[in-house]
Amino acid sequence: MSVISLTAVLGVITNEEGKVLLLKHVYREQPWGMPGGWMELEDPEDGLIREIHEETGLNIQITGLSRAIFGQKPNRVDLVFKGRITEGIFKPSSEISEIVYCNIDSWPDGLPIEQRKLIKEILSNG
């Protein structure tokens, strides 16, 4: 029996001050989260760049792959990249109503604990 697995791309994206970009998703119970989305038959880096631009109007530069994590519900592999904002002005979309730049441990209410831990681990490990 084969199991189909989707591939998601996520980003720990920082601005010039080193603050972490978080997005407020209009469709989630816990609305705040890392930027990302599902790949569309493309290179993972291109998928993350596309998703962030489509959802926010911001442009980013990927600086490296930090983690590959297997998850369930749905079965998926999450590729977590580090990157930085290069330019752009936030424009709300049908999925994202707001953005915020945060220092570690100054998270908005509604950011899942798993993402808080993941962001902190990635930024703490250089």
C-alpha atoms as a PDB file:
ATOM      1  CA  MET A   1       0.000   0.000   0.000  1.00  0.00           C
ATOM      2  CA  SER A   2       1.430   3.362  -0.966  1.00  0.00           C
ATOM      3  CA  VAL A   3       0.879   6.567   0.964  1.00  0.00           C
ATOM      4  CA  ILE A   4       0.743   9.856  -0.859  1.00  0.00           C
ATOM      5  CA  SER A   5       2.534  12.686   0.866  1.00  0.00           C
ATOM      6  CA  LEU A   6       2.208  16.384   0.088  1.00  0.00           C
ATOM      7  CA  THR A   7       5.117  18.796   0.320  1.00  0.00           C
ATOM      8  CA  ALA A   8       4.757  22.079   2.167  1.00  0.00           C
ATOM      9  CA  VAL A   9       7.274  24.893   2.222  1.00  0.00           C
ATOM     10  CA  LEU A  10       7.560  27.125   5.285  1.00  0.00           C
ATOM     11  CA  GLY A  11       9.818  30.019   6.097  1.00  0.00           C
ATOM     12  CA  VAL A  12      11.477  31.537   9.132  1.00  0.00           C
ATOM     13  CA  ILE A  13      11.789  34.909   7.453  1.00  0.00           C
ATOM     14  CA  THR A  14      13.359  37.924   9.132  1.00  0.00           C
ATOM     15  CA  ASN A  15      13.546  41.631   8.371  1.00  0.00           C
ATOM     16  CA  GLU A  16      16.642  43.847   8.515  1.00  0.00           C
ATOM     17  CA  GLU A  17      16.250  44.116  12.314  1.00  0.00           C
ATOM     18  CA  GLY A  18      16.216  40.327  12.744  1.00  0.00           C
ATOM     19  CA  LYS A  19      12.522  40.206  13.676  1.00  0.00           C
ATOM     20  CA  VAL A  20      10.470  37.213  12.491  1.00  0.00           C
ATOM     21  CA  LEU A  21       7.691  37.625   9.918  1.00  0.00           C
ATOM     22  CA  LEU A  22       4.365  36.091  10.964  1.00  0.00           C
ATOM     23  CA  LEU A  23       1.136  36.093   8.990  1.00  0.00           C
ATOM     24  CA  LYS A  24      -2.457  36.285  10.236  1.00  0.00           C
ATOM     25  CA  HIS A  25      -4.422  33.661   8.306  1.00  0.00           C
ATOM     26  CA  VAL A  26      -8.135  34.381   7.888  1.00  0.00           C
ATOM     27  CA  TYR A  27      -9.141  30.684   7.866  1.00  0.00           C
ATOM     28  CA  ARG A  28      -7.328  29.252  10.920  1.00  0.00           C
ATOM     29  CA  GLU A  29      -8.578  28.803  14.474  1.00  0.00           C
ATOM     30  CA  GLN A  30      -5.105  29.851  15.686  1.00  0.00           C
ATOM     31  CA  PRO A  31      -4.682  32.617  13.110  1.00  0.00           C
ATOM     32  CA  TRP A  32      -0.994  33.539  13.363  1.00  0.00           C
ATOM     33  CA  GLY A  33       1.625  31.424  11.645  1.00  0.00           C
ATOM     34  CA  MET A  34       4.799  31.122   9.654  1.00  0.00           C
ATOM     35  CA  PRO A  35       4.561  31.994   5.968  1.00  0.00           C
ATOM     36  CA  GLY A  36       4.330  29.099   3.559  1.00  0.00           C
ATOM     37  CA  GLY A  37       2.101  26.856   1.523  1.00  0.00           C
ATOM     38  CA  TRP A  38       1.900  23.828  -0.745  1.00  0.00           C
ATOM     39  CA  MET A  39       4.305  23.327  -3.619  1.00  0.00           C
ATOM     40  CA  GLU A  40       2.953  23.386  -7.172  1.00  0.00           C
ATOM     41  CA  LEU A  41       5.370  21.202  -9.226  1.00  0.00           C
ATOM     42  CA  GLU A  42       8.236  23.629  -8.653  1.00  0.00           C
ATOM     43  CA  ASP A  43      11.521  23.872  -6.803  1.00  0.00           C
ATOM     44  CA  PRO A  44      10.871  24.250  -3.063  1.00  0.00           C
ATOM     45  CA  GLU A  45      12.655  27.605  -2.847  1.00  0.00           C
ATOM     46  CA  ASP A  46      10.621  28.943  -5.777  1.00  0.00           C
ATOM     47  CA  GLY A  47       7.437  27.674  -4.121  1.00  0.00           C
ATOM     48  CA  LEU A  48       8.128  29.541  -0.887  1.00  0.00           C
ATOM     49  CA  ILE A  49       9.092  32.733  -2.729  1.00  0.00           C
ATOM     50  CA  ARG A  50       5.879  32.486  -4.805  1.00  0.00           C
ATOM     51  CA  GLU A  51       3.617  31.749  -1.809  1.00  0.00           C
ATOM     52  CA  ILE A  52       4.922  34.661   0.247  1.00  0.00           C
ATOM     53  CA  HIS A  53       4.666  37.060  -2.674  1.00  0.00           C
ATOM     54  CA  GLU A  54       1.125  35.915  -3.598  1.00  0.00           C
ATOM     55  CA  GLU A  55      -0.103  36.145  -0.008  1.00  0.00           C
ATOM     56  CA  THR A  56       1.653  39.348   1.109  1.00  0.00           C
ATOM     57  CA  GLY A  57       3.234  41.245  -1.801  1.00  0.00           C
ATOM     58  CA  LEU A  58       6.646  40.868  -0.103  1.00  0.00           C
ATOM     59  CA  ASN A  59       9.782  39.572  -1.813  1.00  0.00           C
ATOM     60  CA  ILE A  60      12.241  37.352   0.021  1.00  0.00           C
ATOM     61  CA  GLN A  61      15.638  35.764  -0.411  1.00  0.00           C
ATOM     62  CA  ILE A  62      16.111  32.174   0.782  1.00  0.00           C
ATOM     63  CA  THR A  63      19.322  31.724   2.794  1.00  0.00           C
ATOM     64  CA  GLY A  64      19.124  27.997   3.498  1.00  0.00           C
ATOM     65  CA  LEU A  65      17.139  24.871   4.291  1.00  0.00           C
ATOM     66  CA  SER A  66      16.812  24.408   8.059  1.00  0.00           C
ATOM     67  CA  ARG A  67      14.597  21.348   8.508  1.00  0.00           C
ATOM     68  CA  ALA A  68      12.666  18.617   6.729  1.00  0.00           C
ATOM     69  CA  ILE A  69       9.863  17.375   8.976  1.00  0.00           C
ATOM     70  CA  PHE A  70       7.364  14.582   8.382  1.00  0.00           C
ATOM     71  CA  GLY A  71       3.847  15.433   9.522  1.00  0.00           C
ATOM     72  CA  GLN A  72       0.429  13.859   9.453  1.00  0.00           C
ATOM     73  CA  LYS A  73      -3.138  15.097   8.945  1.00  0.00           C
ATOM     74  CA  PRO A  74      -2.492  15.335   6.041  1.00  0.00           C
ATOM     75  CA  ASN A  75       0.565  13.157   5.374  1.00  0.00           C
ATOM     76  CA  ARG A  76       3.191  15.653   4.338  1.00  0.00           C
ATOM     77  CA  VAL A  77       6.800  16.705   4.401  1.00  0.00           C
ATOM     78  CA  ASP A  78       7.401  20.260   5.634  1.00  0.00           C
ATOM     79  CA  LEU A  79      10.545  21.872   4.235  1.00  0.00           C
ATOM     80  CA  VAL A  80      11.463  24.761   6.522  1.00  0.00           C
ATOM     81  CA  PHE A  81      13.739  27.428   5.063  1.00  0.00           C
ATOM     82  CA  LYS A  82      15.429  30.479   6.505  1.00  0.00           C
ATOM     83  CA  GLY A  83      15.286  33.705   4.582  1.00  0.00           C
ATOM     84  CA  ARG A  84      15.007  37.450   4.716  1.00  0.00           C
ATOM     85  CA  ILE A  85      12.754  40.164   3.355  1.00  0.00           C
ATOM     86  CA  THR A  86      14.330  41.955   0.402  1.00  0.00           C
ATOM     87  CA  GLU A  87      11.591  44.409  -0.589  1.00  0.00           C
ATOM     88  CA  GLY A  88       7.900  45.033  -0.922  1.00  0.00           C
ATOM     89  CA  ILE A  89       4.966  46.567   0.878  1.00  0.00           C
ATOM     90  CA  PHE A  90       2.397  44.347   2.564  1.00  0.00           C
ATOM     91  CA  LYS A  91      -0.860  43.948   0.682  1.00  0.00           C
ATOM     92  CA  PRO A  92      -3.622  41.885   2.360  1.00  0.00           C
ATOM     93  CA  SER A  93      -4.878  38.906   0.350  1.00  0.00           C
ATOM     94  CA  SER A  94      -7.815  36.509   0.488  1.00  0.00           C
ATOM     95  CA  GLU A  95      -5.773  34.332   2.906  1.00  0.00           C
ATOM     96  CA  ILE A  96      -3.712  36.855   4.911  1.00  0.00           C
ATOM     97  CA  SER A  97      -5.249  39.851   6.691  1.00  0.00           C
ATOM     98  CA  GLU A  98      -2.207  41.160   8.618  1.00  0.00           C
ATOM     99  CA  ILE A  99       1.506  40.668   9.167  1.00  0.00           C
ATOM    100  CA  VAL A 100       3.691  41.329  12.172  1.00  0.00           C
ATOM    101  CA  TYR A 101       7.434  41.259  12.821  1.00  0.00           C
ATOM    102  CA  CYS A 102       8.274  39.767  16.238  1.00  0.00           C
ATOM    103  CA  ASN A 103      11.240  39.228  18.490  1.00  0.00           C
ATOM    104  CA  ILE A 104      11.671  35.681  19.792  1.00  0.00           C
ATOM    105  CA  ASP A 105       9.252  35.078  22.674  1.00  0.00           C
ATOM    106  CA  SER A 106       7.192  38.197  21.868  1.00  0.00           C
ATOM    107  CA  TRP A 107       4.644  36.206  19.899  1.00  0.00           C
ATOM    108  CA  PRO A 108       1.092  37.290  19.093  1.00  0.00           C
ATOM    109  CA  ASP A 109      -1.749  35.335  20.695  1.00  0.00           C
ATOM    110  CA  GLY A 110      -2.834  32.601  18.319  1.00  0.00           C
ATOM    111  CA  LEU A 111       0.615  31.395  17.181  1.00  0.00           C
ATOM    112  CA  PRO A 112       0.703  27.590  17.675  1.00  0.00           C
ATOM    113  CA  ILE A 113       3.167  26.363  20.314  1.00  0.00           C
ATOM    114  CA  GLU A 114       4.818  23.990  17.802  1.00  0.00           C
ATOM    115  CA  GLN A 115       5.650  26.925  15.534  1.00  0.00           C
ATOM    116  CA  ARG A 116       6.962  29.000  18.450  1.00  0.00           C
ATOM    117  CA  LYS A 117       9.350  26.161  19.351  1.00  0.00           C
ATOM    118  CA  LEU A 118      10.398  25.553  15.737  1.00  0.00           C
ATOM    119  CA  ILE A 119      11.162  29.226  15.047  1.00  0.00           C
ATOM    120  CA  LYS A 120      13.144  29.542  18.274  1.00  0.00           C
ATOM    121  CA  GLU A 121      15.163  26.354  17.516  1.00  0.00           C
ATOM    122  CA  ILE A 122      15.988  27.461  13.980  1.00  0.00           C
ATOM    123  CA  LEU A 123      17.066  30.973  14.978  1.00  0.00           C
ATOM    124  CA  SER A 124      19.010  29.721  18.029  1.00  0.00           C
ATOM    125  CA  ASN A 125      21.035  27.287  15.903  1.00  0.00           C
ATOM    126  CA  GLY A 126      22.272  29.974  13.536  1.00  0.00           C
END
